[in-house]
Amino acid sequence: MRTVKFFTSPLILTVVIYLLLIQNLILKGSFEVYRFSEYEYIYKYGTYISKVCVYIGLLLSLASPLIIWLQTKNNFKKFKVILAIAFLPAFYHVLLFILSKFN
């Protein structure tokens, strides 16, 4: 029970969201070495896993307000800044999706 509270604490959740999103930038260049070699499967599966982690980070970013509210119902107003920072990636992608539909 204690480890569940650790992983769903607002600050840890925000850090996990950003780590899942940033790992794509770091690992994308690392997998390029294997793109045209005999180990092409490393590039293929590495980029696939990296994209899956990004989508998990975006889903966590969308779900973070609900998760934070369920954990801190009484002290929800204390976590407004962390909530805004955690929701920022999801807001960015939703805004890009809406703007791309108008073009």
PDB file of N, CA and C in Angstrom:
ATOM      1  N   MET A   1       0.824  -1.194   0.000  1.00  0.00           N
ATOM      2  CA  MET A   1       0.000   0.000   0.000  1.00  0.00           C
ATOM      3  C   MET A   1       0.870   1.261   0.000  1.00  0.00           C
ATOM      4  N   ARG A   2       1.978   1.191   0.739  1.00  0.00           N
ATOM      5  CA  ARG A   2       2.835   2.359   0.828  1.00  0.00           C
ATOM      6  C   ARG A   2       3.529   2.651  -0.501  1.00  0.00           C
ATOM      7  N   THR A   3       3.909   1.601  -1.229  1.00  0.00           N
ATOM      8  CA  THR A   3       4.553   1.819  -2.520  1.00  0.00           C
ATOM      9  C   THR A   3       3.576   2.373  -3.542  1.00  0.00           C
ATOM     10  N   VAL A   4       2.308   2.015  -3.435  1.00  0.00           N
ATOM     11  CA  VAL A   4       1.296   2.567  -4.342  1.00  0.00           C
ATOM     12  C   VAL A   4       1.154   4.062  -4.104  1.00  0.00           C
ATOM     13  N   LYS A   5       1.167   4.491  -2.853  1.00  0.00           N
ATOM     14  CA  LYS A   5       1.082   5.923  -2.557  1.00  0.00           C
ATOM     15  C   LYS A   5       2.322   6.661  -3.051  1.00  0.00           C
ATOM     16  N   PHE A   6       3.481   5.996  -3.003  1.00  0.00           N
ATOM     17  CA  PHE A   6       4.702   6.626  -3.493  1.00  0.00           C
ATOM     18  C   PHE A   6       4.613   6.876  -4.992  1.00  0.00           C
ATOM     19  N   PHE A   7       4.150   5.888  -5.752  1.00  0.00           N
ATOM     20  CA  PHE A   7       4.084   6.025  -7.200  1.00  0.00           C
ATOM     21  C   PHE A   7       2.939   6.910  -7.665  1.00  0.00           C
ATOM     22  N   THR A   8       1.941   7.120  -6.836  1.00  0.00           N
ATOM     23  CA  THR A   8       0.836   7.989  -7.231  1.00  0.00           C
ATOM     24  C   THR A   8       0.892   9.345  -6.540  1.00  0.00           C
ATOM     25  N   SER A   9       1.993   9.647  -5.870  1.00  0.00           N
ATOM     26  CA  SER A   9       2.110  10.986  -5.306  1.00  0.00           C
ATOM     27  C   SER A   9       2.239  11.983  -6.457  1.00  0.00           C
ATOM     28  N   PRO A  10       1.697  13.172  -6.307  1.00  0.00           N
ATOM     29  CA  PRO A  10       1.661  14.125  -7.425  1.00  0.00           C
ATOM     30  C   PRO A  10       3.030  14.475  -7.995  1.00  0.00           C
ATOM     31  N   LEU A  11       4.010  14.662  -7.150  1.00  0.00           N
ATOM     32  CA  LEU A  11       5.334  15.043  -7.638  1.00  0.00           C
ATOM     33  C   LEU A  11       6.009  13.892  -8.386  1.00  0.00           C
ATOM     34  N   ILE A  12       5.932  12.695  -7.844  1.00  0.00           N
ATOM     35  CA  ILE A  12       6.530  11.532  -8.508  1.00  0.00           C
ATOM     36  C   ILE A  12       5.823  11.260  -9.828  1.00  0.00           C
ATOM     37  N   LEU A  13       4.508  11.406  -9.860  1.00  0.00           N
ATOM     38  CA  LEU A  13       3.748  11.204 -11.093  1.00  0.00           C
ATOM     39  C   LEU A  13       4.179  12.193 -12.171  1.00  0.00           C
ATOM     40  N   THR A  14       4.387  13.438 -11.789  1.00  0.00           N
ATOM     41  CA  THR A  14       4.832  14.453 -12.745  1.00  0.00           C
ATOM     42  C   THR A  14       6.227  14.136 -13.278  1.00  0.00           C
ATOM     43  N   VAL A  15       7.117  13.707 -12.407  1.00  0.00           N
ATOM     44  CA  VAL A  15       8.474  13.352 -12.834  1.00  0.00           C
ATOM     45  C   VAL A  15       8.440  12.148 -13.775  1.00  0.00           C
ATOM     46  N   VAL A  16       7.617  11.156 -13.474  1.00  0.00           N
ATOM     47  CA  VAL A  16       7.509   9.970 -14.334  1.00  0.00           C
ATOM     48  C   VAL A  16       6.965  10.348 -15.706  1.00  0.00           C
ATOM     49  N   ILE A  17       5.986  11.235 -15.750  1.00  0.00           N
ATOM     50  CA  ILE A  17       5.422  11.682 -17.029  1.00  0.00           C
ATOM     51  C   ILE A  17       6.509  12.319 -17.887  1.00  0.00           C
ATOM     52  N   TYR A  18       7.271  13.221 -17.313  1.00  0.00           N
ATOM     53  CA  TYR A  18       8.306  13.902 -18.091  1.00  0.00           C
ATOM     54  C   TYR A  18       9.466  12.969 -18.449  1.00  0.00           C
ATOM     55  N   LEU A  19       9.792  12.010 -17.594  1.00  0.00           N
ATOM     56  CA  LEU A  19      10.839  11.045 -17.945  1.00  0.00           C
ATOM     57  C   LEU A  19      10.405  10.159 -19.106  1.00  0.00           C
ATOM     58  N   LEU A  20       9.130   9.770 -19.124  1.00  0.00           N
ATOM     59  CA  LEU A  20       8.631   8.962 -20.235  1.00  0.00           C
ATOM     60  C   LEU A  20       8.643   9.747 -21.544  1.00  0.00           C
ATOM     61  N   LEU A  21       8.430  11.040 -21.472  1.00  0.00           N
ATOM     62  CA  LEU A  21       8.433  11.852 -22.685  1.00  0.00           C
ATOM     63  C   LEU A  21       9.849  12.203 -23.144  1.00  0.00           C
ATOM     64  N   ILE A  22      10.745  12.435 -22.206  1.00  0.00           N
ATOM     65  CA  ILE A  22      12.110  12.839 -22.545  1.00  0.00           C
ATOM     66  C   ILE A  22      12.940  11.666 -23.060  1.00  0.00           C
ATOM     67  N   GLN A  23      12.616  10.450 -22.618  1.00  0.00           N
ATOM     68  CA  GLN A  23      13.415   9.295 -23.045  1.00  0.00           C
ATOM     69  C   GLN A  23      13.415   9.128 -24.552  1.00  0.00           C
ATOM     70  N   ASN A  24      12.370   9.570 -25.224  1.00  0.00           N
ATOM     71  CA  ASN A  24      12.324   9.466 -26.682  1.00  0.00           C
ATOM     72  C   ASN A  24      13.412  10.330 -27.325  1.00  0.00           C
ATOM     73  N   LEU A  25      13.628  11.508 -26.788  1.00  0.00           N
ATOM     74  CA  LEU A  25      14.666  12.380 -27.337  1.00  0.00           C
ATOM     75  C   LEU A  25      16.057  11.789 -27.151  1.00  0.00           C
ATOM     76  N   ILE A  26      16.270  11.159 -26.015  1.00  0.00           N
ATOM     77  CA  ILE A  26      17.587  10.606 -25.714  1.00  0.00           C
ATOM     78  C   ILE A  26      17.839   9.321 -26.501  1.00  0.00           C
ATOM     79  N   LEU A  27      16.867   8.433 -26.519  1.00  0.00           N
ATOM     80  CA  LEU A  27      17.070   7.126 -27.143  1.00  0.00           C
ATOM     81  C   LEU A  27      16.945   7.141 -28.655  1.00  0.00           C
ATOM     82  N   LYS A  28      16.266   8.128 -29.198  1.00  0.00           N
ATOM     83  CA  LYS A  28      16.070   8.171 -30.647  1.00  0.00           C
ATOM     84  C   LYS A  28      17.406   8.225 -31.385  1.00  0.00           C
ATOM     85  N   GLY A  29      18.313   9.034 -30.919  1.00  0.00           N
ATOM     86  CA  GLY A  29      19.629   9.121 -31.544  1.00  0.00           C
ATOM     87  C   GLY A  29      20.487   7.892 -31.294  1.00  0.00           C
ATOM     88  N   SER A  30      20.277   7.240 -30.160  1.00  0.00           N
ATOM     89  CA  SER A  30      21.059   6.047 -29.847  1.00  0.00           C
ATOM     90  C   SER A  30      20.709   4.879 -30.756  1.00  0.00           C
ATOM     91  N   PHE A  31      19.464   4.805 -31.183  1.00  0.00           N
ATOM     92  CA  PHE A  31      19.043   3.699 -32.040  1.00  0.00           C
ATOM     93  C   PHE A  31      19.395   3.913 -33.506  1.00  0.00           C
ATOM     94  N   GLU A  32      19.737   5.123 -33.896  1.00  0.00           N
ATOM     95  CA  GLU A  32      20.062   5.402 -35.300  1.00  0.00           C
ATOM     96  C   GLU A  32      21.311   4.650 -35.768  1.00  0.00           C
ATOM     97  N   VAL A  33      22.182   4.287 -34.853  1.00  0.00           N
ATOM     98  CA  VAL A  33      23.398   3.555 -35.199  1.00  0.00           C
ATOM     99  C   VAL A  33      23.050   2.200 -35.817  1.00  0.00           C
ATOM    100  N   TYR A  34      21.966   1.606 -35.345  1.00  0.00           N
ATOM    101  CA  TYR A  34      21.581   0.263 -35.789  1.00  0.00           C
ATOM    102  C   TYR A  34      20.623   0.264 -36.973  1.00  0.00           C
ATOM    103  N   ARG A  35      20.327   1.399 -37.520  1.00  0.00           N
ATOM    104  CA  ARG A  35      19.303   1.485 -38.560  1.00  0.00           C
ATOM    105  C   ARG A  35      19.668   0.705 -39.825  1.00  0.00           C
ATOM    106  N   PHE A  36      20.875   0.835 -40.303  1.00  0.00           N
ATOM    107  CA  PHE A  36      21.290   0.172 -41.540  1.00  0.00           C
ATOM    108  C   PHE A  36      22.377  -0.870 -41.293  1.00  0.00           C
ATOM    109  N   SER A  37      22.343  -1.514 -40.156  1.00  0.00           N
ATOM    110  CA  SER A  37      23.327  -2.552 -39.861  1.00  0.00           C
ATOM    111  C   SER A  37      22.627  -3.910 -39.828  1.00  0.00           C
ATOM    112  N   GLU A  38      23.397  -4.918 -39.476  1.00  0.00           N
ATOM    113  CA  GLU A  38      22.799  -6.253 -39.390  1.00  0.00           C
ATOM    114  C   GLU A  38      21.923  -6.396 -38.147  1.00  0.00           C
ATOM    115  N   TYR A  39      22.028  -5.444 -37.237  1.00  0.00           N
ATOM    116  CA  TYR A  39      21.194  -5.438 -36.035  1.00  0.00           C
ATOM    117  C   TYR A  39      20.027  -4.475 -36.192  1.00  0.00           C
ATOM    118  N   GLU A  40      19.406  -4.503 -37.325  1.00  0.00           N
ATOM    119  CA  GLU A  40      18.307  -3.584 -37.621  1.00  0.00           C
ATOM    120  C   GLU A  40      17.118  -3.790 -36.683  1.00  0.00           C
ATOM    121  N   TYR A  41      16.969  -4.984 -36.155  1.00  0.00           N
ATOM    122  CA  TYR A  41      15.866  -5.265 -35.237  1.00  0.00           C
ATOM    123  C   TYR A  41      15.979  -4.447 -33.954  1.00  0.00           C
ATOM    124  N   ILE A  42      17.211  -4.099 -33.552  1.00  0.00           N
ATOM    125  CA  ILE A  42      17.386  -3.249 -32.371  1.00  0.00           C
ATOM    126  C   ILE A  42      16.779  -1.881 -32.634  1.00  0.00           C
ATOM    127  N   TYR A  43      17.028  -1.347 -33.824  1.00  0.00           N
ATOM    128  CA  TYR A  43      16.443  -0.058 -34.200  1.00  0.00           C
ATOM    129  C   TYR A  43      14.922  -0.153 -34.252  1.00  0.00           C
ATOM    130  N   LYS A  44      14.433  -1.201 -34.869  1.00  0.00           N
ATOM    131  CA  LYS A  44      12.991  -1.365 -35.057  1.00  0.00           C
ATOM    132  C   LYS A  44      12.259  -1.469 -33.720  1.00  0.00           C
ATOM    133  N   TYR A  45      12.709  -2.388 -32.867  1.00  0.00           N
ATOM    134  CA  TYR A  45      12.035  -2.583 -31.589  1.00  0.00           C
ATOM    135  C   TYR A  45      12.326  -1.453 -30.606  1.00  0.00           C
ATOM    136  N   GLY A  46      13.507  -0.883 -30.678  1.00  0.00           N
ATOM    137  CA  GLY A  46      13.841   0.229 -29.788  1.00  0.00           C
ATOM    138  C   GLY A  46      12.990   1.454 -30.046  1.00  0.00           C
ATOM    139  N   THR A  47      12.804   1.794 -31.315  1.00  0.00           N
ATOM    140  CA  THR A  47      11.952   2.945 -31.625  1.00  0.00           C
ATOM    141  C   THR A  47      10.493   2.649 -31.299  1.00  0.00           C
ATOM    142  N   TYR A  48      10.075   1.404 -31.491  1.00  0.00           N
ATOM    143  CA  TYR A  48       8.698   1.025 -31.156  1.00  0.00           C
ATOM    144  C   TYR A  48       8.452   1.156 -29.656  1.00  0.00           C
ATOM    145  N   ILE A  49       9.356   0.634 -28.844  1.00  0.00           N
ATOM    146  CA  ILE A  49       9.209   0.719 -27.388  1.00  0.00           C
ATOM    147  C   ILE A  49       9.271   2.169 -26.934  1.00  0.00           C
ATOM    148  N   SER A  50      10.116   2.957 -27.566  1.00  0.00           N
ATOM    149  CA  SER A  50      10.228   4.369 -27.220  1.00  0.00           C
ATOM    150  C   SER A  50       8.926   5.115 -27.512  1.00  0.00           C
ATOM    151  N   LYS A  51       8.304   4.818 -28.650  1.00  0.00           N
ATOM    152  CA  LYS A  51       7.022   5.455 -28.975  1.00  0.00           C
ATOM    153  C   LYS A  51       5.921   5.022 -28.022  1.00  0.00           C
ATOM    154  N   VAL A  52       5.927   3.760 -27.628  1.00  0.00           N
ATOM    155  CA  VAL A  52       4.932   3.275 -26.668  1.00  0.00           C
ATOM    156  C   VAL A  52       5.089   4.001 -25.335  1.00  0.00           C
ATOM    157  N   CYS A  53       6.323   4.224 -24.907  1.00  0.00           N
ATOM    158  CA  CYS A  53       6.557   4.962 -23.656  1.00  0.00           C
ATOM    159  C   CYS A  53       6.058   6.398 -23.757  1.00  0.00           C
ATOM    160  N   VAL A  54       6.201   7.016 -24.918  1.00  0.00           N
ATOM    161  CA  VAL A  54       5.693   8.377 -25.108  1.00  0.00           C
ATOM    162  C   VAL A  54       4.172   8.388 -25.006  1.00  0.00           C
ATOM    163  N   TYR A  55       3.513   7.414 -25.615  1.00  0.00           N
ATOM    164  CA  TYR A  55       2.052   7.360 -25.539  1.00  0.00           C
ATOM    165  C   TYR A  55       1.575   7.079 -24.116  1.00  0.00           C
ATOM    166  N   ILE A  56       2.305   6.258 -23.378  1.00  0.00           N
ATOM    167  CA  ILE A  56       1.966   6.022 -21.976  1.00  0.00           C
ATOM    168  C   ILE A  56       2.122   7.316 -21.182  1.00  0.00           C
ATOM    169  N   GLY A  57       3.177   8.073 -21.461  1.00  0.00           N
ATOM    170  CA  GLY A  57       3.367   9.360 -20.791  1.00  0.00           C
ATOM    171  C   GLY A  57       2.247  10.337 -21.092  1.00  0.00           C
ATOM    172  N   LEU A  58       1.774  10.357 -22.340  1.00  0.00           N
ATOM    173  CA  LEU A  58       0.661  11.243 -22.690  1.00  0.00           C
ATOM    174  C   LEU A  58      -0.634  10.807 -22.018  1.00  0.00           C
ATOM    175  N   LEU A  59      -0.871   9.500 -21.948  1.00  0.00           N
ATOM    176  CA  LEU A  59      -2.066   9.015 -21.258  1.00  0.00           C
ATOM    177  C   LEU A  59      -2.005   9.323 -19.764  1.00  0.00           C
ATOM    178  N   LEU A  60      -0.828   9.170 -19.173  1.00  0.00           N
ATOM    179  CA  LEU A  60      -0.674   9.544 -17.764  1.00  0.00           C
ATOM    180  C   LEU A  60      -0.879  11.038 -17.566  1.00  0.00           C
ATOM    181  N   SER A  61      -0.432  11.819 -18.526  1.00  0.00           N
ATOM    182  CA  SER A  61      -0.620  13.260 -18.436  1.00  0.00           C
ATOM    183  C   SER A  61      -2.102  13.623 -18.512  1.00  0.00           C
ATOM    184  N   LEU A  62      -2.838  12.923 -19.351  1.00  0.00           N
ATOM    185  CA  LEU A  62      -4.286  13.155 -19.422  1.00  0.00           C
ATOM    186  C   LEU A  62      -4.993  12.706 -18.146  1.00  0.00           C
ATOM    187  N   ALA A  63      -4.518  11.609 -17.557  1.00  0.00           N
ATOM    188  CA  ALA A  63      -5.159  11.059 -16.365  1.00  0.00           C
ATOM    189  C   ALA A  63      -4.640  11.669 -15.070  1.00  0.00           C
ATOM    190  N   SER A  64      -3.598  12.461 -15.125  1.00  0.00           N
ATOM    191  CA  SER A  64      -2.998  12.995 -13.898  1.00  0.00           C
ATOM    192  C   SER A  64      -3.947  13.852 -13.064  1.00  0.00           C
ATOM    193  N   PRO A  65      -4.814  14.694 -13.646  1.00  0.00           N
ATOM    194  CA  PRO A  65      -5.731  15.430 -12.768  1.00  0.00           C
ATOM    195  C   PRO A  65      -6.637  14.512 -11.953  1.00  0.00           C
ATOM    196  N   LEU A  66      -7.120  13.458 -12.575  1.00  0.00           N
ATOM    197  CA  LEU A  66      -7.982  12.516 -11.863  1.00  0.00           C
ATOM    198  C   LEU A  66      -7.204  11.753 -10.797  1.00  0.00           C
ATOM    199  N   ILE A  67      -6.007  11.319 -11.126  1.00  0.00           N
ATOM    200  CA  ILE A  67      -5.190  10.577 -10.157  1.00  0.00           C
ATOM    201  C   ILE A  67      -4.833  11.463  -8.972  1.00  0.00           C
ATOM    202  N   ILE A  68      -4.441  12.695  -9.240  1.00  0.00           N
ATOM    203  CA  ILE A  68      -4.079  13.609  -8.151  1.00  0.00           C
ATOM    204  C   ILE A  68      -5.305  13.947  -7.315  1.00  0.00           C
ATOM    205  N   TRP A  69      -6.446  14.129  -7.944  1.00  0.00           N
ATOM    206  CA  TRP A  69      -7.659  14.434  -7.187  1.00  0.00           C
ATOM    207  C   TRP A  69      -8.062  13.255  -6.303  1.00  0.00           C
ATOM    208  N   LEU A  70      -7.950  12.033  -6.804  1.00  0.00           N
ATOM    209  CA  LEU A  70      -8.311  10.865  -6.001  1.00  0.00           C
ATOM    210  C   LEU A  70      -7.367  10.676  -4.818  1.00  0.00           C
ATOM    211  N   GLN A  71      -6.117  11.055  -4.966  1.00  0.00           N
ATOM    212  CA  GLN A  71      -5.158  10.905  -3.876  1.00  0.00           C
ATOM    213  C   GLN A  71      -5.267  12.019  -2.841  1.00  0.00           C
ATOM    214  N   THR A  72      -5.584  13.227  -3.274  1.00  0.00           N
ATOM    215  CA  THR A  72      -5.568  14.386  -2.370  1.00  0.00           C
ATOM    216  C   THR A  72      -6.879  15.146  -2.460  1.00  0.00           C
ATOM    217  N   LYS A  73      -7.965  14.530  -2.070  1.00  0.00           N
ATOM    218  CA  LYS A  73      -9.269  15.189  -2.163  1.00  0.00           C
ATOM    219  C   LYS A  73      -9.353  16.413  -1.256  1.00  0.00           C
ATOM    220  N   ASN A  74      -8.832  16.292  -0.047  1.00  0.00           N
ATOM    221  CA  ASN A  74      -8.934  17.395   0.908  1.00  0.00           C
ATOM    222  C   ASN A  74      -7.929  18.509   0.632  1.00  0.00           C
ATOM    223  N   ASN A  75      -6.762  18.166   0.145  1.00  0.00           N
ATOM    224  CA  ASN A  75      -5.698  19.147  -0.087  1.00  0.00           C
ATOM    225  C   ASN A  75      -5.461  19.377  -1.572  1.00  0.00           C
ATOM    226  N   PHE A  76      -6.497  19.315  -2.360  1.00  0.00           N
ATOM    227  CA  PHE A  76      -6.348  19.408  -3.814  1.00  0.00           C
ATOM    228  C   PHE A  76      -5.820  20.771  -4.245  1.00  0.00           C
ATOM    229  N   LYS A  77      -6.178  21.815  -3.533  1.00  0.00           N
ATOM    230  CA  LYS A  77      -5.750  23.164  -3.918  1.00  0.00           C
ATOM    231  C   LYS A  77      -4.249  23.375  -3.721  1.00  0.00           C
ATOM    232  N   LYS A  78      -3.624  22.578  -2.877  1.00  0.00           N
ATOM    233  CA  LYS A  78      -2.184  22.694  -2.666  1.00  0.00           C
ATOM    234  C   LYS A  78      -1.394  22.275  -3.902  1.00  0.00           C
ATOM    235  N   PHE A  79      -1.974  21.409  -4.705  1.00  0.00           N
ATOM    236  CA  PHE A  79      -1.253  20.810  -5.824  1.00  0.00           C
ATOM    237  C   PHE A  79      -1.640  21.412  -7.166  1.00  0.00           C
ATOM    238  N   LYS A  80      -2.087  22.648  -7.175  1.00  0.00           N
ATOM    239  CA  LYS A  80      -2.488  23.284  -8.439  1.00  0.00           C
ATOM    240  C   LYS A  80      -1.321  23.434  -9.411  1.00  0.00           C
ATOM    241  N   VAL A  81      -0.178  23.842  -8.912  1.00  0.00           N
ATOM    242  CA  VAL A  81       0.984  24.061  -9.776  1.00  0.00           C
ATOM    243  C   VAL A  81       1.491  22.735 -10.339  1.00  0.00           C
ATOM    244  N   ILE A  82       1.595  21.732  -9.486  1.00  0.00           N
ATOM    245  CA  ILE A  82       2.041  20.417  -9.947  1.00  0.00           C
ATOM    246  C   ILE A  82       1.046  19.843 -10.940  1.00  0.00           C
ATOM    247  N   LEU A  83      -0.226  20.059 -10.697  1.00  0.00           N
ATOM    248  CA  LEU A  83      -1.267  19.583 -11.606  1.00  0.00           C
ATOM    249  C   LEU A  83      -1.151  20.251 -12.971  1.00  0.00           C
ATOM    250  N   ALA A  84      -0.897  21.545 -12.982  1.00  0.00           N
ATOM    251  CA  ALA A  84      -0.750  22.262 -14.251  1.00  0.00           C
ATOM    252  C   ALA A  84       0.490  21.786 -15.010  1.00  0.00           C
ATOM    253  N   ILE A  85       1.574  21.555 -14.292  1.00  0.00           N
ATOM    254  CA  ILE A  85       2.798  21.077 -14.934  1.00  0.00           C
ATOM    255  C   ILE A  85       2.611  19.659 -15.466  1.00  0.00           C
ATOM    256  N   ALA A  86       1.897  18.820 -14.732  1.00  0.00           N
ATOM    257  CA  ALA A  86       1.670  17.440 -15.174  1.00  0.00           C
ATOM    258  C   ALA A  86       0.727  17.382 -16.372  1.00  0.00           C
ATOM    259  N   PHE A  87      -0.214  18.309 -16.463  1.00  0.00           N
ATOM    260  CA  PHE A  87      -1.197  18.290 -17.548  1.00  0.00           C
ATOM    261  C   PHE A  87      -0.694  19.011 -18.796  1.00  0.00           C
ATOM    262  N   LEU A  88       0.387  19.739 -18.689  1.00  0.00           N
ATOM    263  CA  LEU A  88       0.903  20.527 -19.808  1.00  0.00           C
ATOM    264  C   LEU A  88       1.208  19.709 -21.075  1.00  0.00           C
ATOM    265  N   PRO A  89       1.857  18.539 -21.007  1.00  0.00           N
ATOM    266  CA  PRO A  89       2.088  17.772 -22.248  1.00  0.00           C
ATOM    267  C   PRO A  89       0.795  17.343 -22.936  1.00  0.00           C
ATOM    268  N   ALA A  90      -0.192  16.928 -22.172  1.00  0.00           N
ATOM    269  CA  ALA A  90      -1.468  16.525 -22.772  1.00  0.00           C
ATOM    270  C   ALA A  90      -2.158  17.726 -23.399  1.00  0.00           C
ATOM    271  N   PHE A  91      -2.118  18.862 -22.730  1.00  0.00           N
ATOM    272  CA  PHE A  91      -2.727  20.073 -23.275  1.00  0.00           C
ATOM    273  C   PHE A  91      -2.043  20.482 -24.577  1.00  0.00           C
ATOM    274  N   TYR A  92      -0.729  20.363 -24.617  1.00  0.00           N
ATOM    275  CA  TYR A  92       0.036  20.702 -25.816  1.00  0.00           C
ATOM    276  C   TYR A  92      -0.374  19.814 -26.991  1.00  0.00           C
ATOM    277  N   HIS A  93      -0.475  18.521 -26.766  1.00  0.00           N
ATOM    278  CA  HIS A  93      -0.826  17.612 -27.857  1.00  0.00           C
ATOM    279  C   HIS A  93      -2.282  17.767 -28.289  1.00  0.00           C
ATOM    280  N   VAL A  94      -3.168  18.028 -27.361  1.00  0.00           N
ATOM    281  CA  VAL A  94      -4.568  18.274 -27.734  1.00  0.00           C
ATOM    282  C   VAL A  94      -4.667  19.557 -28.549  1.00  0.00           C
ATOM    283  N   LEU A  95      -3.949  20.583 -28.151  1.00  0.00           N
ATOM    284  CA  LEU A  95      -3.950  21.840 -28.894  1.00  0.00           C
ATOM    285  C   LEU A  95      -3.377  21.650 -30.301  1.00  0.00           C
ATOM    286  N   LEU A  96      -2.294  20.900 -30.431  1.00  0.00           N
ATOM    287  CA  LEU A  96      -1.740  20.615 -31.759  1.00  0.00           C
ATOM    288  C   LEU A  96      -2.718  19.828 -32.619  1.00  0.00           C
ATOM    289  N   PHE A  97      -3.426  18.892 -32.020  1.00  0.00           N
ATOM    290  CA  PHE A  97      -4.413  18.106 -32.761  1.00  0.00           C
ATOM    291  C   PHE A  97      -5.543  18.994 -33.263  1.00  0.00           C
ATOM    292  N   ILE A  98      -6.019  19.888 -32.418  1.00  0.00           N
ATOM    293  CA  ILE A  98      -7.108  20.791 -32.815  1.00  0.00           C
ATOM    294  C   ILE A  98      -6.643  21.747 -33.904  1.00  0.00           C
ATOM    295  N   LEU A  99      -5.453  22.308 -33.756  1.00  0.00           N
ATOM    296  CA  LEU A  99      -4.949  23.240 -34.758  1.00  0.00           C
ATOM    297  C   LEU A  99      -4.660  22.556 -36.092  1.00  0.00           C
ATOM    298  N   SER A 100      -4.258  21.307 -36.053  1.00  0.00           N
ATOM    299  CA  SER A 100      -3.992  20.608 -37.313  1.00  0.00           C
ATOM    300  C   SER A 100      -5.276  20.280 -38.064  1.00  0.00           C
ATOM    301  N   LYS A 101      -6.380  20.196 -37.380  1.00  0.00           N
ATOM    302  CA  LYS A 101      -7.653  19.913 -38.045  1.00  0.00           C
ATOM    303  C   LYS A 101      -8.177  21.128 -38.805  1.00  0.00           C
ATOM    304  N   PHE A 102      -7.742  22.322 -38.435  1.00  0.00           N
ATOM    305  CA  PHE A 102      -8.206  23.533 -39.108  1.00  0.00           C
ATOM    306  C   PHE A 102      -7.427  23.838 -40.380  1.00  0.00           C
ATOM    307  N   ASN A 103      -6.297  23.208 -40.592  1.00  0.00           N
ATOM    308  CA  ASN A 103      -5.488  23.479 -41.797  1.00  0.00           C
ATOM    309  C   ASN A 103      -5.914  22.650 -42.945  1.00  0.00           C
TER     310      ASN A 103
END
